[in-house]
Amino acid sequence: MEVYISDRALHSMQCIYDHFYQWAGYRSAEHILNVIEKGYKQLALFPYMGPVESTLQEENKHYRSFVIHPHYKIIYVITKDHIYILDIWDCRQDNQRIKKIMDNSID
């Protein structure tokens, strides 16, 4: 399956990179990006590996999540032919906030 990355997910990746760069340096920032990219590649091969995200259960959308780091997970949806990465979520945030954000995602 082909993987598409939303603008929100790209923005989150940039914020994560900037945070790691500022606090831990270039090598750590590059490492976290490699971890995220590895997660995308795994999803392309095994799209159903992430469980349905219980916080985001809806009748017409099945959001899934895949933990890629102790603090981060990929939030995504699967269509017939594609995987849409909607966000890289910081798991330390309030879970109710994720619902508000995903309500504004793809239809």
C-alpha atoms as a PDB file:
ATOM      1  CA  MET A   1       0.000   0.000   0.000  1.00  0.00           C
ATOM      2  CA  GLU A   2       1.081   3.525  -0.669  1.00  0.00           C
ATOM      3  CA  VAL A   3       1.602   5.814   2.323  1.00  0.00           C
ATOM      4  CA  TYR A   4       0.546   9.477   2.261  1.00  0.00           C
ATOM      5  CA  ILE A   5       1.672  11.903   4.942  1.00  0.00           C
ATOM      6  CA  SER A   6      -0.588  14.796   5.908  1.00  0.00           C
ATOM      7  CA  ASP A   7       0.642  18.357   6.383  1.00  0.00           C
ATOM      8  CA  ARG A   8      -0.188  18.002  10.079  1.00  0.00           C
ATOM      9  CA  ALA A   9       2.056  14.928  10.366  1.00  0.00           C
ATOM     10  CA  LEU A  10       4.877  16.723   8.533  1.00  0.00           C
ATOM     11  CA  HIS A  11       4.505  19.679  10.881  1.00  0.00           C
ATOM     12  CA  SER A  12       4.584  17.363  13.903  1.00  0.00           C
ATOM     13  CA  MET A  13       7.745  15.719  12.561  1.00  0.00           C
ATOM     14  CA  GLN A  14       9.393  19.114  12.200  1.00  0.00           C
ATOM     15  CA  CYS A  15       8.422  20.071  15.759  1.00  0.00           C
ATOM     16  CA  ILE A  16       9.749  16.763  17.107  1.00  0.00           C
ATOM     17  CA  TYR A  17      12.983  17.223  15.168  1.00  0.00           C
ATOM     18  CA  ASP A  18      13.395  20.793  16.422  1.00  0.00           C
ATOM     19  CA  HIS A  19      12.777  19.702  20.013  1.00  0.00           C
ATOM     20  CA  PHE A  20      15.335  16.895  19.841  1.00  0.00           C
ATOM     21  CA  TYR A  21      17.831  19.129  18.041  1.00  0.00           C
ATOM     22  CA  GLN A  22      17.523  21.849  20.673  1.00  0.00           C
ATOM     23  CA  TRP A  23      17.722  19.573  23.713  1.00  0.00           C
ATOM     24  CA  ALA A  24      19.810  16.613  22.581  1.00  0.00           C
ATOM     25  CA  GLY A  25      21.636  17.666  19.420  1.00  0.00           C
ATOM     26  CA  TYR A  26      21.807  16.797  15.761  1.00  0.00           C
ATOM     27  CA  ARG A  27      22.411  13.053  16.146  1.00  0.00           C
ATOM     28  CA  SER A  28      19.382  12.558  18.377  1.00  0.00           C
ATOM     29  CA  ALA A  29      17.187  14.636  16.069  1.00  0.00           C
ATOM     30  CA  GLU A  30      18.270  12.591  13.055  1.00  0.00           C
ATOM     31  CA  HIS A  31      17.738   9.366  15.012  1.00  0.00           C
ATOM     32  CA  ILE A  32      14.128  10.207  15.888  1.00  0.00           C
ATOM     33  CA  LEU A  33      13.387  11.029  12.223  1.00  0.00           C
ATOM     34  CA  ASN A  34      14.843   7.648  11.249  1.00  0.00           C
ATOM     35  CA  VAL A  35      12.605   5.962  13.832  1.00  0.00           C
ATOM     36  CA  ILE A  36       9.542   7.720  12.380  1.00  0.00           C
ATOM     37  CA  GLU A  37      10.516   6.788   8.814  1.00  0.00           C
ATOM     38  CA  LYS A  38      10.988   3.171   9.852  1.00  0.00           C
ATOM     39  CA  GLY A  39       7.448   3.265  11.264  1.00  0.00           C
ATOM     40  CA  TYR A  40       6.064   4.491   7.915  1.00  0.00           C
ATOM     41  CA  LYS A  41       7.845   1.706   6.075  1.00  0.00           C
ATOM     42  CA  GLN A  42       6.513  -0.926   8.474  1.00  0.00           C
ATOM     43  CA  LEU A  43       2.972   0.365   7.996  1.00  0.00           C
ATOM     44  CA  ALA A  44       3.324   0.126   4.220  1.00  0.00           C
ATOM     45  CA  LEU A  45       4.085  -3.577   4.605  1.00  0.00           C
ATOM     46  CA  PHE A  46       1.719  -4.328   7.503  1.00  0.00           C
ATOM     47  CA  PRO A  47      -1.047  -1.692   7.526  1.00  0.00           C
ATOM     48  CA  TYR A  48      -3.189  -3.454  10.138  1.00  0.00           C
ATOM     49  CA  MET A  49      -0.390  -3.847  12.659  1.00  0.00           C
ATOM     50  CA  GLY A  50      -1.627  -0.866  14.677  1.00  0.00           C
ATOM     51  CA  PRO A  51      -4.768  -1.376  16.757  1.00  0.00           C
ATOM     52  CA  VAL A  52      -7.878   0.731  16.317  1.00  0.00           C
ATOM     53  CA  GLU A  53      -7.387   3.873  18.399  1.00  0.00           C
ATOM     54  CA  SER A  54      -9.937   3.584  21.205  1.00  0.00           C
ATOM     55  CA  THR A  55      -9.985   7.327  21.835  1.00  0.00           C
ATOM     56  CA  LEU A  56     -11.096   7.955  18.239  1.00  0.00           C
ATOM     57  CA  GLN A  57     -13.694   5.270  17.634  1.00  0.00           C
ATOM     58  CA  GLU A  58     -16.306   6.361  15.103  1.00  0.00           C
ATOM     59  CA  GLU A  59     -18.767   4.496  12.924  1.00  0.00           C
ATOM     60  CA  ASN A  60     -17.416   5.621   9.541  1.00  0.00           C
ATOM     61  CA  LYS A  61     -13.679   5.983  10.300  1.00  0.00           C
ATOM     62  CA  HIS A  62     -11.304   3.510  11.846  1.00  0.00           C
ATOM     63  CA  TYR A  63      -8.355   5.444  13.158  1.00  0.00           C
ATOM     64  CA  ARG A  64      -5.383   3.304  14.042  1.00  0.00           C
ATOM     65  CA  SER A  65      -2.221   4.035  15.974  1.00  0.00           C
ATOM     66  CA  PHE A  66       1.239   2.544  16.059  1.00  0.00           C
ATOM     67  CA  VAL A  67       3.708   3.364  18.838  1.00  0.00           C
ATOM     68  CA  ILE A  68       7.094   4.203  17.337  1.00  0.00           C
ATOM     69  CA  HIS A  69       8.812   5.625  20.424  1.00  0.00           C
ATOM     70  CA  PRO A  70       7.903   5.660  24.121  1.00  0.00           C
ATOM     71  CA  HIS A  71       6.552   9.212  23.651  1.00  0.00           C
ATOM     72  CA  TYR A  72       5.222   9.120  20.081  1.00  0.00           C
ATOM     73  CA  LYS A  73       2.760   7.187  17.976  1.00  0.00           C
ATOM     74  CA  ILE A  74       1.604   7.417  14.383  1.00  0.00           C
ATOM     75  CA  ILE A  75      -2.127   8.081  13.958  1.00  0.00           C
ATOM     76  CA  TYR A  76      -3.405   6.827  10.608  1.00  0.00           C
ATOM     77  CA  VAL A  77      -6.368   5.571   8.606  1.00  0.00           C
ATOM     78  CA  ILE A  78      -6.502   2.914   5.921  1.00  0.00           C
ATOM     79  CA  THR A  79      -8.541   3.197   2.747  1.00  0.00           C
ATOM     80  CA  LYS A  80      -8.892   0.632  -0.004  1.00  0.00           C
ATOM     81  CA  ASP A  81      -5.533   1.503  -1.604  1.00  0.00           C
ATOM     82  CA  HIS A  82      -3.747   3.916   0.724  1.00  0.00           C
ATOM     83  CA  ILE A  83      -2.558   4.596   4.230  1.00  0.00           C
ATOM     84  CA  TYR A  84      -2.954   8.189   5.396  1.00  0.00           C
ATOM     85  CA  ILE A  85      -0.625   9.290   8.195  1.00  0.00           C
ATOM     86  CA  LEU A  86      -2.656  11.952   9.960  1.00  0.00           C
ATOM     87  CA  ASP A  87      -0.338  12.869  12.814  1.00  0.00           C
ATOM     88  CA  ILE A  88       2.654  11.917  14.902  1.00  0.00           C
ATOM     89  CA  TRP A  89       1.095  12.136  18.338  1.00  0.00           C
ATOM     90  CA  ASP A  90       2.974  12.918  21.544  1.00  0.00           C
ATOM     91  CA  CYS A  91       1.496  10.343  23.925  1.00  0.00           C
ATOM     92  CA  ARG A  92       2.107  12.641  26.895  1.00  0.00           C
ATOM     93  CA  GLN A  93      -0.678  14.956  25.703  1.00  0.00           C
ATOM     94  CA  ASP A  94      -4.281  14.815  26.868  1.00  0.00           C
ATOM     95  CA  ASN A  95      -6.120  12.088  24.944  1.00  0.00           C
ATOM     96  CA  GLN A  96      -9.238  14.251  24.655  1.00  0.00           C
ATOM     97  CA  ARG A  97      -7.238  16.750  22.607  1.00  0.00           C
ATOM     98  CA  ILE A  98      -6.540  14.150  19.936  1.00  0.00           C
ATOM     99  CA  LYS A  99     -10.262  13.749  19.256  1.00  0.00           C
ATOM    100  CA  LYS A 100     -10.648  17.475  18.580  1.00  0.00           C
ATOM    101  CA  ILE A 101      -7.679  17.461  16.233  1.00  0.00           C
ATOM    102  CA  MET A 102      -8.766  14.388  14.281  1.00  0.00           C
ATOM    103  CA  ASP A 103     -12.288  15.770  13.850  1.00  0.00           C
ATOM    104  CA  ASN A 104     -10.641  18.210  11.425  1.00  0.00           C
ATOM    105  CA  SER A 105      -8.788  15.508   9.461  1.00  0.00           C
ATOM    106  CA  ILE A 106      -9.602  13.822   6.159  1.00  0.00           C
ATOM    107  CA  ASP A 107     -13.113  12.579   5.385  1.00  0.00           C
END
